[in-house]
Amino acid sequence: MTAQPSQPRSPSSDLRELVADSASGDRRATETLARWCLPRVRRTVLVACGGGPEADDVVQNVMAIVITKLHTFRGDASFFVWVDRITINEVRGQYRRERFKLVRLGELAKDPSQARPGSSLPSDEVARREVLERLSHHIRRLKPAWRLPIVLTLVHGYSVPEVAAMLEQGFEAVKKQVQRGKSELRDRLRRDPACVALLREWTP
């Protein structure tokens, strides 16, 4: 798989200044950052946890943490990597509580800007929604330890070393989780007619 780390399109080239303005109490800056972050956070949570009230709670928690902790962002990593780390921590807490449910993911179809150029996902909204629903279904059937590494590598295009650092796990352990997770996911997608197109770009 050769996915590249996804980055939201930003209307401003000076993200650091916007973060600083928001941290100092500028409401407009905060609203702008929230608009940039929300689709990314929602996408990660919905693929990793499914939807429903529990997922909505996770998204709201992540956004609240992002806004209230902006003053702690030091710029040692990209802003969106920082947001992803916060999201991951909340998703892991959701996994530990075992409150997630397998539900439909129609919300994902409303964020076409996240699709990579040349993506094999269909452009038709109904067909796209079906593929995303089925993909989430199969990811949710993987072993719990494999799910976040798979979401991070497939959805956001992080490398194994980056995933290991974000999850605070050893490189070899994460490498095995990604390899085994991709292998099982590949087998599941092959047996699902709705997901065959994904194999062209997500072949483990």
N, C-alpha and C. Protein backbone atom coordinates (compact mmCIF):
# COMPACT_ATOMS: atom_id res chain seq x y z
N MET A 1 0.84 -1.18 0.00
CA MET A 1 0.00 0.00 0.00
C MET A 1 0.88 1.24 0.00
N THR A 2 0.50 2.25 -0.77
CA THR A 2 1.35 3.41 -0.93
C THR A 2 0.61 4.70 -0.58
N ALA A 3 -0.29 4.61 0.39
CA ALA A 3 -1.05 5.81 0.75
C ALA A 3 -0.13 6.87 1.31
N GLN A 4 -0.44 8.11 1.02
CA GLN A 4 0.32 9.23 1.53
C GLN A 4 -0.44 9.86 2.69
N PRO A 5 0.29 10.38 3.71
CA PRO A 5 -0.39 11.02 4.84
C PRO A 5 -1.35 12.09 4.35
N SER A 6 -2.59 12.00 4.78
CA SER A 6 -3.59 12.95 4.32
C SER A 6 -3.47 14.25 5.10
N GLN A 7 -3.57 15.37 4.41
CA GLN A 7 -3.54 16.67 5.04
C GLN A 7 -4.72 17.49 4.55
N PRO A 8 -5.52 18.03 5.47
CA PRO A 8 -6.65 18.84 5.05
C PRO A 8 -6.16 20.08 4.29
N ARG A 9 -6.95 20.56 3.35
CA ARG A 9 -6.61 21.77 2.64
C ARG A 9 -6.86 22.96 3.55
N SER A 10 -5.85 23.80 3.77
CA SER A 10 -5.97 24.93 4.67
C SER A 10 -6.03 26.22 3.88
N PRO A 11 -6.99 27.09 4.21
CA PRO A 11 -7.09 28.36 3.49
C PRO A 11 -6.00 29.34 3.89
N SER A 12 -5.24 29.06 4.92
CA SER A 12 -4.19 29.95 5.37
C SER A 12 -2.86 29.22 5.36
N SER A 13 -1.80 29.94 4.98
CA SER A 13 -0.47 29.34 4.98
C SER A 13 0.21 29.49 6.31
N ASP A 14 -0.36 30.26 7.22
CA ASP A 14 0.27 30.52 8.51
C ASP A 14 -0.53 29.84 9.61
N LEU A 15 -0.46 28.51 9.63
CA LEU A 15 -1.21 27.74 10.62
C LEU A 15 -0.74 28.04 12.03
N ARG A 16 0.57 28.21 12.19
CA ARG A 16 1.11 28.47 13.53
C ARG A 16 0.52 29.74 14.13
N GLU A 17 0.39 30.77 13.29
CA GLU A 17 -0.19 32.02 13.78
C GLU A 17 -1.65 31.82 14.16
N LEU A 18 -2.37 31.04 13.37
CA LEU A 18 -3.78 30.77 13.66
C LEU A 18 -3.92 30.02 14.98
N VAL A 19 -3.06 29.03 15.21
CA VAL A 19 -3.07 28.28 16.47
C VAL A 19 -2.80 29.21 17.64
N ALA A 20 -1.82 30.09 17.47
CA ALA A 20 -1.48 31.02 18.54
C ALA A 20 -2.64 31.97 18.83
N ASP A 21 -3.29 32.47 17.78
CA ASP A 21 -4.43 33.36 17.96
C ASP A 21 -5.56 32.65 18.70
N SER A 22 -5.81 31.40 18.30
CA SER A 22 -6.87 30.64 18.96
C SER A 22 -6.55 30.39 20.42
N ALA A 23 -5.29 30.03 20.70
CA ALA A 23 -4.89 29.77 22.08
C ALA A 23 -5.01 31.01 22.95
N SER A 24 -4.92 32.18 22.33
CA SER A 24 -5.01 33.43 23.09
C SER A 24 -6.45 33.93 23.22
N GLY A 25 -7.39 33.16 22.68
CA GLY A 25 -8.80 33.49 22.87
C GLY A 25 -9.52 34.07 21.67
N ASP A 26 -8.89 34.06 20.50
CA ASP A 26 -9.53 34.58 19.29
C ASP A 26 -10.58 33.58 18.82
N ARG A 27 -11.85 33.96 18.93
CA ARG A 27 -12.95 33.04 18.60
C ARG A 27 -12.95 32.66 17.12
N ARG A 28 -12.68 33.62 16.24
CA ARG A 28 -12.68 33.30 14.82
C ARG A 28 -11.59 32.28 14.48
N ALA A 29 -10.43 32.46 15.08
CA ALA A 29 -9.34 31.51 14.83
C ALA A 29 -9.73 30.12 15.32
N THR A 30 -10.37 30.07 16.48
CA THR A 30 -10.80 28.78 17.03
C THR A 30 -11.83 28.12 16.13
N GLU A 31 -12.79 28.89 15.64
CA GLU A 31 -13.81 28.34 14.75
C GLU A 31 -13.19 27.81 13.45
N THR A 32 -12.20 28.52 12.94
CA THR A 32 -11.54 28.08 11.71
C THR A 32 -10.79 26.77 11.94
N LEU A 33 -10.05 26.69 13.03
CA LEU A 33 -9.33 25.45 13.34
C LEU A 33 -10.29 24.28 13.52
N ALA A 34 -11.41 24.54 14.18
CA ALA A 34 -12.40 23.48 14.40
C ALA A 34 -12.94 22.97 13.06
N ARG A 35 -13.19 23.88 12.12
CA ARG A 35 -13.69 23.47 10.80
C ARG A 35 -12.66 22.63 10.06
N TRP A 36 -11.39 22.95 10.23
CA TRP A 36 -10.35 22.16 9.58
C TRP A 36 -10.22 20.78 10.19
N CYS A 37 -10.32 20.72 11.52
CA CYS A 37 -10.05 19.47 12.23
C CYS A 37 -11.21 18.48 12.22
N LEU A 38 -12.44 18.99 12.28
CA LEU A 38 -13.59 18.12 12.50
C LEU A 38 -13.73 17.00 11.47
N PRO A 39 -13.63 17.25 10.15
CA PRO A 39 -13.77 16.13 9.20
C PRO A 39 -12.72 15.06 9.40
N ARG A 40 -11.50 15.46 9.72
CA ARG A 40 -10.41 14.51 9.93
C ARG A 40 -10.67 13.66 11.18
N VAL A 41 -11.05 14.32 12.27
CA VAL A 41 -11.33 13.61 13.53
C VAL A 41 -12.51 12.66 13.34
N ARG A 42 -13.58 13.16 12.71
CA ARG A 42 -14.77 12.33 12.51
C ARG A 42 -14.44 11.10 11.66
N ARG A 43 -13.65 11.31 10.62
CA ARG A 43 -13.31 10.20 9.74
C ARG A 43 -12.54 9.11 10.49
N THR A 44 -11.56 9.52 11.27
CA THR A 44 -10.77 8.55 12.04
C THR A 44 -11.64 7.78 13.02
N VAL A 45 -12.47 8.50 13.76
CA VAL A 45 -13.31 7.86 14.77
C VAL A 45 -14.33 6.92 14.14
N LEU A 46 -14.96 7.35 13.05
CA LEU A 46 -15.99 6.52 12.44
C LEU A 46 -15.42 5.24 11.84
N VAL A 47 -14.24 5.33 11.21
CA VAL A 47 -13.64 4.11 10.67
C VAL A 47 -13.17 3.20 11.78
N ALA A 48 -12.61 3.77 12.84
CA ALA A 48 -12.05 2.96 13.92
C ALA A 48 -13.10 2.42 14.87
N CYS A 49 -14.17 3.19 15.09
CA CYS A 49 -15.13 2.83 16.14
C CYS A 49 -16.56 2.61 15.64
N GLY A 50 -16.83 2.89 14.39
CA GLY A 50 -18.21 2.87 13.95
C GLY A 50 -18.85 4.20 14.28
N GLY A 51 -20.17 4.24 14.28
CA GLY A 51 -20.86 5.49 14.55
C GLY A 51 -21.74 5.40 15.76
N GLY A 52 -22.78 6.21 15.79
CA GLY A 52 -23.70 6.20 16.91
C GLY A 52 -23.30 7.17 18.00
N PRO A 53 -24.08 7.21 19.08
CA PRO A 53 -23.82 8.17 20.17
C PRO A 53 -22.43 8.05 20.77
N GLU A 54 -21.90 6.81 20.90
CA GLU A 54 -20.58 6.64 21.49
C GLU A 54 -19.51 7.29 20.63
N ALA A 55 -19.61 7.09 19.33
CA ALA A 55 -18.64 7.70 18.43
C ALA A 55 -18.76 9.22 18.46
N ASP A 56 -20.00 9.72 18.49
CA ASP A 56 -20.20 11.17 18.58
C ASP A 56 -19.55 11.72 19.84
N ASP A 57 -19.66 10.98 20.93
CA ASP A 57 -19.04 11.41 22.18
C ASP A 57 -17.52 11.50 22.04
N VAL A 58 -16.94 10.51 21.36
CA VAL A 58 -15.49 10.51 21.16
C VAL A 58 -15.08 11.72 20.33
N VAL A 59 -15.80 11.99 19.25
CA VAL A 59 -15.49 13.14 18.40
C VAL A 59 -15.58 14.44 19.21
N GLN A 60 -16.64 14.58 19.99
CA GLN A 60 -16.80 15.78 20.79
C GLN A 60 -15.69 15.91 21.82
N ASN A 61 -15.31 14.79 22.43
CA ASN A 61 -14.22 14.82 23.41
C ASN A 61 -12.92 15.26 22.76
N VAL A 62 -12.64 14.71 21.57
CA VAL A 62 -11.42 15.07 20.87
C VAL A 62 -11.40 16.56 20.55
N MET A 63 -12.50 17.07 20.01
CA MET A 63 -12.54 18.48 19.65
C MET A 63 -12.40 19.38 20.87
N ALA A 64 -12.99 18.96 21.98
CA ALA A 64 -12.87 19.75 23.21
C ALA A 64 -11.42 19.78 23.69
N ILE A 65 -10.75 18.63 23.61
CA ILE A 65 -9.35 18.56 24.03
C ILE A 65 -8.48 19.42 23.12
N VAL A 66 -8.71 19.31 21.81
CA VAL A 66 -7.92 20.10 20.85
C VAL A 66 -8.03 21.58 21.17
N ILE A 67 -9.26 22.05 21.39
CA ILE A 67 -9.46 23.48 21.62
C ILE A 67 -8.90 23.92 22.97
N THR A 68 -9.13 23.13 24.00
CA THR A 68 -8.69 23.55 25.34
C THR A 68 -7.21 23.35 25.58
N LYS A 69 -6.57 22.50 24.78
CA LYS A 69 -5.15 22.21 24.96
C LYS A 69 -4.27 22.87 23.90
N LEU A 70 -4.82 23.78 23.13
CA LEU A 70 -4.03 24.42 22.08
C LEU A 70 -2.75 25.06 22.63
N HIS A 71 -2.83 25.56 23.85
CA HIS A 71 -1.65 26.22 24.42
C HIS A 71 -0.51 25.24 24.67
N THR A 72 -0.80 23.93 24.64
CA THR A 72 0.25 22.93 24.86
C THR A 72 0.92 22.50 23.57
N PHE A 73 0.37 22.93 22.42
CA PHE A 73 0.97 22.56 21.14
C PHE A 73 2.26 23.35 20.94
N ARG A 74 3.39 22.63 20.85
CA ARG A 74 4.71 23.27 20.78
C ARG A 74 5.30 23.30 19.38
N GLY A 75 4.63 22.68 18.44
CA GLY A 75 5.14 22.72 17.08
C GLY A 75 6.24 21.74 16.79
N ASP A 76 6.47 20.75 17.71
CA ASP A 76 7.51 19.76 17.46
C ASP A 76 7.05 18.72 16.44
N ALA A 77 5.77 18.70 16.13
CA ALA A 77 5.22 17.85 15.07
C ALA A 77 4.19 18.70 14.32
N SER A 78 3.70 18.19 13.19
CA SER A 78 2.69 18.95 12.47
C SER A 78 1.42 19.04 13.33
N PHE A 79 0.67 20.12 13.12
CA PHE A 79 -0.54 20.32 13.91
C PHE A 79 -1.51 19.17 13.75
N PHE A 80 -1.64 18.66 12.52
CA PHE A 80 -2.61 17.59 12.29
C PHE A 80 -2.13 16.25 12.83
N VAL A 81 -0.82 16.04 12.92
CA VAL A 81 -0.31 14.86 13.62
C VAL A 81 -0.66 14.96 15.10
N TRP A 82 -0.52 16.15 15.66
CA TRP A 82 -0.89 16.38 17.06
C TRP A 82 -2.37 16.06 17.27
N VAL A 83 -3.21 16.51 16.35
CA VAL A 83 -4.65 16.22 16.45
C VAL A 83 -4.89 14.71 16.35
N ASP A 84 -4.18 14.05 15.42
CA ASP A 84 -4.35 12.59 15.28
C ASP A 84 -3.97 11.86 16.57
N ARG A 85 -2.94 12.31 17.23
CA ARG A 85 -2.53 11.66 18.49
C ARG A 85 -3.61 11.79 19.55
N ILE A 86 -4.20 12.96 19.64
CA ILE A 86 -5.30 13.15 20.60
C ILE A 86 -6.46 12.23 20.24
N THR A 87 -6.78 12.14 18.96
CA THR A 87 -7.87 11.27 18.51
C THR A 87 -7.58 9.82 18.86
N ILE A 88 -6.36 9.39 18.61
CA ILE A 88 -5.96 8.00 18.89
C ILE A 88 -6.14 7.68 20.37
N ASN A 89 -5.72 8.59 21.22
CA ASN A 89 -5.84 8.34 22.66
C ASN A 89 -7.30 8.17 23.07
N GLU A 90 -8.17 8.99 22.49
CA GLU A 90 -9.60 8.86 22.82
C GLU A 90 -10.18 7.57 22.25
N VAL A 91 -9.77 7.18 21.05
CA VAL A 91 -10.26 5.93 20.46
C VAL A 91 -9.80 4.74 21.29
N ARG A 92 -8.56 4.78 21.76
CA ARG A 92 -8.05 3.68 22.59
C ARG A 92 -8.86 3.57 23.88
N GLY A 93 -9.24 4.71 24.44
CA GLY A 93 -10.09 4.67 25.62
C GLY A 93 -11.43 4.06 25.32
N GLN A 94 -11.95 4.35 24.13
CA GLN A 94 -13.23 3.75 23.71
C GLN A 94 -13.08 2.25 23.55
N TYR A 95 -11.98 1.81 22.98
CA TYR A 95 -11.73 0.37 22.85
C TYR A 95 -11.70 -0.29 24.22
N ARG A 96 -11.00 0.34 25.14
CA ARG A 96 -10.89 -0.26 26.48
C ARG A 96 -12.25 -0.37 27.15
N ARG A 97 -13.10 0.59 26.92
CA ARG A 97 -14.42 0.55 27.54
C ARG A 97 -15.36 -0.41 26.82
N GLU A 98 -14.95 -0.85 25.63
CA GLU A 98 -15.75 -1.79 24.84
C GLU A 98 -17.19 -1.30 24.65
N ARG A 99 -17.29 -0.04 24.31
CA ARG A 99 -18.61 0.54 24.11
C ARG A 99 -18.93 0.77 22.64
N PHE A 100 -17.95 0.49 21.76
CA PHE A 100 -18.19 0.78 20.35
C PHE A 100 -19.16 -0.23 19.75
N LYS A 101 -19.82 0.18 18.71
CA LYS A 101 -20.80 -0.67 18.02
C LYS A 101 -20.53 -0.63 16.52
N LEU A 102 -20.95 -1.69 15.85
CA LEU A 102 -20.85 -1.73 14.39
C LEU A 102 -22.11 -1.09 13.80
N VAL A 103 -21.96 0.05 13.19
CA VAL A 103 -23.11 0.76 12.62
C VAL A 103 -22.73 1.31 11.26
N ARG A 104 -23.67 1.94 10.62
CA ARG A 104 -23.45 2.48 9.29
C ARG A 104 -22.57 3.73 9.35
N LEU A 105 -21.84 3.99 8.26
CA LEU A 105 -20.90 5.10 8.23
C LEU A 105 -21.23 6.09 7.11
N GLY A 106 -22.48 6.42 6.95
CA GLY A 106 -22.87 7.33 5.89
C GLY A 106 -22.19 8.68 5.97
N GLU A 107 -21.79 9.13 7.17
CA GLU A 107 -21.15 10.43 7.31
C GLU A 107 -19.87 10.52 6.49
N LEU A 108 -19.18 9.39 6.32
CA LEU A 108 -17.92 9.41 5.59
C LEU A 108 -18.11 9.87 4.15
N ALA A 109 -19.26 9.56 3.59
CA ALA A 109 -19.51 9.92 2.20
C ALA A 109 -19.65 11.43 2.01
N LYS A 110 -19.77 12.17 3.10
CA LYS A 110 -19.96 13.61 3.00
C LYS A 110 -18.64 14.37 3.02
N ASP A 111 -17.52 13.66 2.98
CA ASP A 111 -16.22 14.33 3.03
C ASP A 111 -15.37 13.93 1.83
N PRO A 112 -15.82 14.22 0.59
CA PRO A 112 -15.09 13.79 -0.60
C PRO A 112 -13.72 14.42 -0.72
N SER A 113 -13.45 15.56 -0.02
CA SER A 113 -12.14 16.21 -0.12
C SER A 113 -11.03 15.35 0.44
N GLN A 114 -11.41 14.34 1.26
CA GLN A 114 -10.40 13.48 1.87
C GLN A 114 -9.90 12.41 0.90
N ALA A 115 -10.60 12.20 -0.21
CA ALA A 115 -10.20 11.15 -1.15
C ALA A 115 -8.90 11.53 -1.85
N ARG A 116 -8.00 10.58 -2.00
CA ARG A 116 -6.73 10.81 -2.68
C ARG A 116 -6.94 10.85 -4.19
N PRO A 117 -6.10 11.63 -4.92
CA PRO A 117 -6.20 11.62 -6.38
C PRO A 117 -6.04 10.20 -6.91
N GLY A 118 -6.88 9.82 -7.85
CA GLY A 118 -6.79 8.48 -8.42
C GLY A 118 -7.39 7.41 -7.55
N SER A 119 -8.13 7.81 -6.51
CA SER A 119 -8.71 6.82 -5.61
C SER A 119 -9.64 5.88 -6.35
N SER A 120 -9.69 4.61 -5.90
CA SER A 120 -10.57 3.62 -6.51
C SER A 120 -11.98 3.67 -5.93
N LEU A 121 -12.20 4.53 -4.93
CA LEU A 121 -13.54 4.65 -4.39
C LEU A 121 -14.44 5.26 -5.46
N PRO A 122 -15.65 4.74 -5.61
CA PRO A 122 -16.56 5.28 -6.63
C PRO A 122 -16.94 6.72 -6.32
N SER A 123 -17.20 7.51 -7.37
CA SER A 123 -17.56 8.90 -7.18
C SER A 123 -19.02 9.05 -6.80
N ASP A 124 -19.87 8.10 -7.21
CA ASP A 124 -21.28 8.15 -6.85
C ASP A 124 -21.43 8.04 -5.34
N GLU A 125 -22.20 8.96 -4.75
CA GLU A 125 -22.29 9.03 -3.29
C GLU A 125 -22.84 7.76 -2.68
N VAL A 126 -23.88 7.18 -3.29
CA VAL A 126 -24.48 5.97 -2.74
C VAL A 126 -23.50 4.81 -2.78
N ALA A 127 -22.83 4.64 -3.93
CA ALA A 127 -21.85 3.56 -4.06
C ALA A 127 -20.68 3.78 -3.12
N ARG A 128 -20.24 5.03 -2.99
CA ARG A 128 -19.13 5.36 -2.09
C ARG A 128 -19.49 5.01 -0.65
N ARG A 129 -20.72 5.36 -0.26
CA ARG A 129 -21.15 5.08 1.10
C ARG A 129 -21.14 3.57 1.37
N GLU A 130 -21.59 2.79 0.40
CA GLU A 130 -21.62 1.34 0.57
C GLU A 130 -20.21 0.78 0.78
N VAL A 131 -19.27 1.27 -0.04
CA VAL A 131 -17.89 0.78 0.10
C VAL A 131 -17.33 1.14 1.47
N LEU A 132 -17.55 2.37 1.91
CA LEU A 132 -17.01 2.80 3.20
C LEU A 132 -17.66 2.05 4.35
N GLU A 133 -18.96 1.77 4.21
CA GLU A 133 -19.63 0.99 5.24
C GLU A 133 -19.03 -0.41 5.33
N ARG A 134 -18.82 -1.01 4.17
CA ARG A 134 -18.26 -2.37 4.17
C ARG A 134 -16.83 -2.39 4.67
N LEU A 135 -16.04 -1.38 4.30
CA LEU A 135 -14.66 -1.31 4.78
C LEU A 135 -14.63 -1.23 6.30
N SER A 136 -15.47 -0.37 6.87
CA SER A 136 -15.53 -0.27 8.33
C SER A 136 -15.94 -1.60 8.95
N HIS A 137 -16.91 -2.24 8.32
CA HIS A 137 -17.37 -3.54 8.81
C HIS A 137 -16.20 -4.52 8.92
N HIS A 138 -15.38 -4.57 7.88
CA HIS A 138 -14.26 -5.53 7.88
C HIS A 138 -13.15 -5.12 8.84
N ILE A 139 -12.89 -3.83 8.95
CA ILE A 139 -11.88 -3.38 9.92
C ILE A 139 -12.33 -3.71 11.34
N ARG A 140 -13.62 -3.56 11.60
CA ARG A 140 -14.14 -3.85 12.93
C ARG A 140 -14.10 -5.33 13.26
N ARG A 141 -13.92 -6.19 12.25
CA ARG A 141 -13.83 -7.63 12.47
C ARG A 141 -12.38 -8.08 12.73
N LEU A 142 -11.43 -7.16 12.57
CA LEU A 142 -10.05 -7.51 12.85
C LEU A 142 -9.82 -7.58 14.36
N LYS A 143 -8.71 -8.20 14.76
CA LYS A 143 -8.36 -8.22 16.17
C LYS A 143 -8.20 -6.78 16.67
N PRO A 144 -8.61 -6.51 17.91
CA PRO A 144 -8.52 -5.14 18.43
C PRO A 144 -7.14 -4.51 18.30
N ALA A 145 -6.08 -5.30 18.51
CA ALA A 145 -4.72 -4.75 18.45
C ALA A 145 -4.34 -4.31 17.04
N TRP A 146 -5.04 -4.82 16.03
CA TRP A 146 -4.70 -4.49 14.65
C TRP A 146 -5.45 -3.28 14.12
N ARG A 147 -6.54 -2.90 14.77
CA ARG A 147 -7.44 -1.92 14.17
C ARG A 147 -6.82 -0.53 14.02
N LEU A 148 -6.27 0.03 15.10
CA LEU A 148 -5.70 1.36 15.00
C LEU A 148 -4.51 1.41 14.04
N PRO A 149 -3.57 0.45 14.09
CA PRO A 149 -2.50 0.48 13.10
C PRO A 149 -3.02 0.45 11.66
N ILE A 150 -4.08 -0.33 11.42
CA ILE A 150 -4.65 -0.39 10.07
C ILE A 150 -5.30 0.94 9.69
N VAL A 151 -6.06 1.53 10.61
CA VAL A 151 -6.70 2.81 10.32
C VAL A 151 -5.64 3.88 10.05
N LEU A 152 -4.58 3.90 10.83
CA LEU A 152 -3.56 4.93 10.66
C LEU A 152 -2.78 4.76 9.36
N THR A 153 -2.51 3.52 8.97
CA THR A 153 -1.76 3.31 7.74
C THR A 153 -2.64 3.47 6.50
N LEU A 154 -3.86 2.97 6.55
CA LEU A 154 -4.72 3.02 5.38
C LEU A 154 -5.47 4.33 5.24
N VAL A 155 -6.00 4.85 6.32
CA VAL A 155 -6.81 6.06 6.23
C VAL A 155 -5.95 7.31 6.14
N HIS A 156 -4.85 7.35 6.93
CA HIS A 156 -4.03 8.56 6.96
C HIS A 156 -2.66 8.38 6.32
N GLY A 157 -2.28 7.15 5.96
CA GLY A 157 -1.04 6.95 5.24
C GLY A 157 0.22 7.06 6.08
N TYR A 158 0.12 6.90 7.40
CA TYR A 158 1.33 6.94 8.24
C TYR A 158 2.19 5.70 7.98
N SER A 159 3.50 5.87 8.17
CA SER A 159 4.42 4.75 8.06
C SER A 159 4.41 3.95 9.36
N VAL A 160 4.97 2.74 9.32
CA VAL A 160 5.02 1.90 10.52
C VAL A 160 5.79 2.59 11.66
N PRO A 161 6.97 3.19 11.40
CA PRO A 161 7.65 3.90 12.50
C PRO A 161 6.81 5.01 13.09
N GLU A 162 6.06 5.74 12.25
CA GLU A 162 5.21 6.81 12.75
C GLU A 162 4.08 6.25 13.61
N VAL A 163 3.50 5.13 13.16
CA VAL A 163 2.42 4.51 13.94
C VAL A 163 2.96 4.01 15.27
N ALA A 164 4.13 3.40 15.26
CA ALA A 164 4.73 2.89 16.49
C ALA A 164 4.95 4.03 17.48
N ALA A 165 5.42 5.18 16.98
CA ALA A 165 5.65 6.32 17.87
C ALA A 165 4.34 6.86 18.42
N MET A 166 3.31 6.93 17.56
CA MET A 166 2.03 7.48 18.00
C MET A 166 1.33 6.57 19.00
N LEU A 167 1.50 5.26 18.82
CA LEU A 167 0.86 4.31 19.74
C LEU A 167 1.75 3.95 20.93
N GLU A 168 2.99 4.47 20.90
CA GLU A 168 3.96 4.20 21.96
C GLU A 168 4.18 2.69 22.12
N GLN A 169 4.40 2.04 20.98
CA GLN A 169 4.68 0.61 20.94
C GLN A 169 5.96 0.38 20.17
N GLY A 170 6.53 -0.82 20.30
CA GLY A 170 7.74 -1.17 19.60
C GLY A 170 7.52 -1.29 18.11
N PHE A 171 8.56 -0.97 17.34
CA PHE A 171 8.46 -1.02 15.88
C PHE A 171 8.08 -2.42 15.39
N GLU A 172 8.76 -3.46 15.90
CA GLU A 172 8.52 -4.81 15.42
C GLU A 172 7.09 -5.26 15.73
N ALA A 173 6.60 -4.89 16.91
CA ALA A 173 5.23 -5.27 17.28
C ALA A 173 4.21 -4.64 16.34
N VAL A 174 4.39 -3.35 16.07
CA VAL A 174 3.46 -2.66 15.18
C VAL A 174 3.59 -3.18 13.75
N LYS A 175 4.81 -3.47 13.33
CA LYS A 175 5.02 -4.01 11.99
C LYS A 175 4.24 -5.30 11.80
N LYS A 176 4.28 -6.18 12.79
CA LYS A 176 3.53 -7.44 12.71
C LYS A 176 2.03 -7.19 12.70
N GLN A 177 1.58 -6.23 13.54
CA GLN A 177 0.15 -5.92 13.58
C GLN A 177 -0.34 -5.42 12.23
N VAL A 178 0.46 -4.56 11.60
CA VAL A 178 0.07 -4.02 10.29
C VAL A 178 0.08 -5.12 9.23
N GLN A 179 1.14 -5.94 9.23
CA GLN A 179 1.23 -7.00 8.22
C GLN A 179 0.08 -7.98 8.35
N ARG A 180 -0.17 -8.44 9.57
CA ARG A 180 -1.23 -9.42 9.78
C ARG A 180 -2.61 -8.80 9.55
N GLY A 181 -2.78 -7.56 9.99
CA GLY A 181 -4.06 -6.90 9.78
C GLY A 181 -4.35 -6.68 8.31
N LYS A 182 -3.33 -6.26 7.54
CA LYS A 182 -3.52 -6.07 6.11
C LYS A 182 -3.83 -7.38 5.41
N SER A 183 -3.15 -8.43 5.83
CA SER A 183 -3.37 -9.73 5.20
C SER A 183 -4.80 -10.20 5.40
N GLU A 184 -5.28 -10.09 6.64
CA GLU A 184 -6.66 -10.52 6.89
C GLU A 184 -7.65 -9.61 6.21
N LEU A 185 -7.37 -8.29 6.23
CA LEU A 185 -8.28 -7.36 5.57
C LEU A 185 -8.34 -7.62 4.07
N ARG A 186 -7.19 -7.91 3.46
CA ARG A 186 -7.16 -8.24 2.03
C ARG A 186 -8.05 -9.43 1.73
N ASP A 187 -7.97 -10.48 2.57
CA ASP A 187 -8.79 -11.66 2.34
C ASP A 187 -10.27 -11.34 2.47
N ARG A 188 -10.59 -10.49 3.43
CA ARG A 188 -12.00 -10.13 3.62
C ARG A 188 -12.52 -9.31 2.44
N LEU A 189 -11.69 -8.36 1.96
CA LEU A 189 -12.13 -7.52 0.85
C LEU A 189 -12.32 -8.34 -0.42
N ARG A 190 -11.48 -9.33 -0.62
CA ARG A 190 -11.60 -10.19 -1.80
C ARG A 190 -12.95 -10.90 -1.85
N ARG A 191 -13.47 -11.25 -0.68
CA ARG A 191 -14.72 -12.00 -0.63
C ARG A 191 -15.94 -11.09 -0.63
N ASP A 192 -15.72 -9.77 -0.65
CA ASP A 192 -16.82 -8.83 -0.58
C ASP A 192 -16.90 -8.05 -1.90
N PRO A 193 -17.90 -8.34 -2.75
CA PRO A 193 -17.99 -7.68 -4.05
C PRO A 193 -18.00 -6.15 -3.96
N ALA A 194 -18.54 -5.61 -2.88
CA ALA A 194 -18.63 -4.16 -2.75
C ALA A 194 -17.26 -3.52 -2.54
N CYS A 195 -16.26 -4.32 -2.14
CA CYS A 195 -14.96 -3.77 -1.79
C CYS A 195 -13.84 -4.15 -2.76
N VAL A 196 -14.19 -4.83 -3.84
CA VAL A 196 -13.17 -5.29 -4.77
C VAL A 196 -12.32 -4.13 -5.29
N ALA A 197 -12.95 -2.97 -5.54
CA ALA A 197 -12.21 -1.83 -6.09
C ALA A 197 -11.10 -1.38 -5.15
N LEU A 198 -11.30 -1.53 -3.85
CA LEU A 198 -10.28 -1.09 -2.89
C LEU A 198 -8.99 -1.87 -3.04
N LEU A 199 -9.06 -3.10 -3.52
CA LEU A 199 -7.85 -3.92 -3.64
C LEU A 199 -6.87 -3.33 -4.64
N ARG A 200 -7.37 -2.53 -5.57
CA ARG A 200 -6.47 -1.95 -6.57
C ARG A 200 -5.56 -0.89 -5.95
N GLU A 201 -5.98 -0.24 -4.88
CA GLU A 201 -5.13 0.75 -4.25
C GLU A 201 -4.69 0.36 -2.84
N TRP A 202 -5.33 -0.62 -2.25
CA TRP A 202 -5.01 -1.02 -0.89
C TRP A 202 -4.56 -2.48 -0.86
N THR A 203 -3.73 -2.89 -1.78
CA THR A 203 -3.27 -4.29 -1.81
C THR A 203 -2.16 -4.47 -0.81
N PRO A 204 -2.37 -5.26 0.28
CA PRO A 204 -1.34 -5.43 1.28
C PRO A 204 -0.15 -6.17 0.68
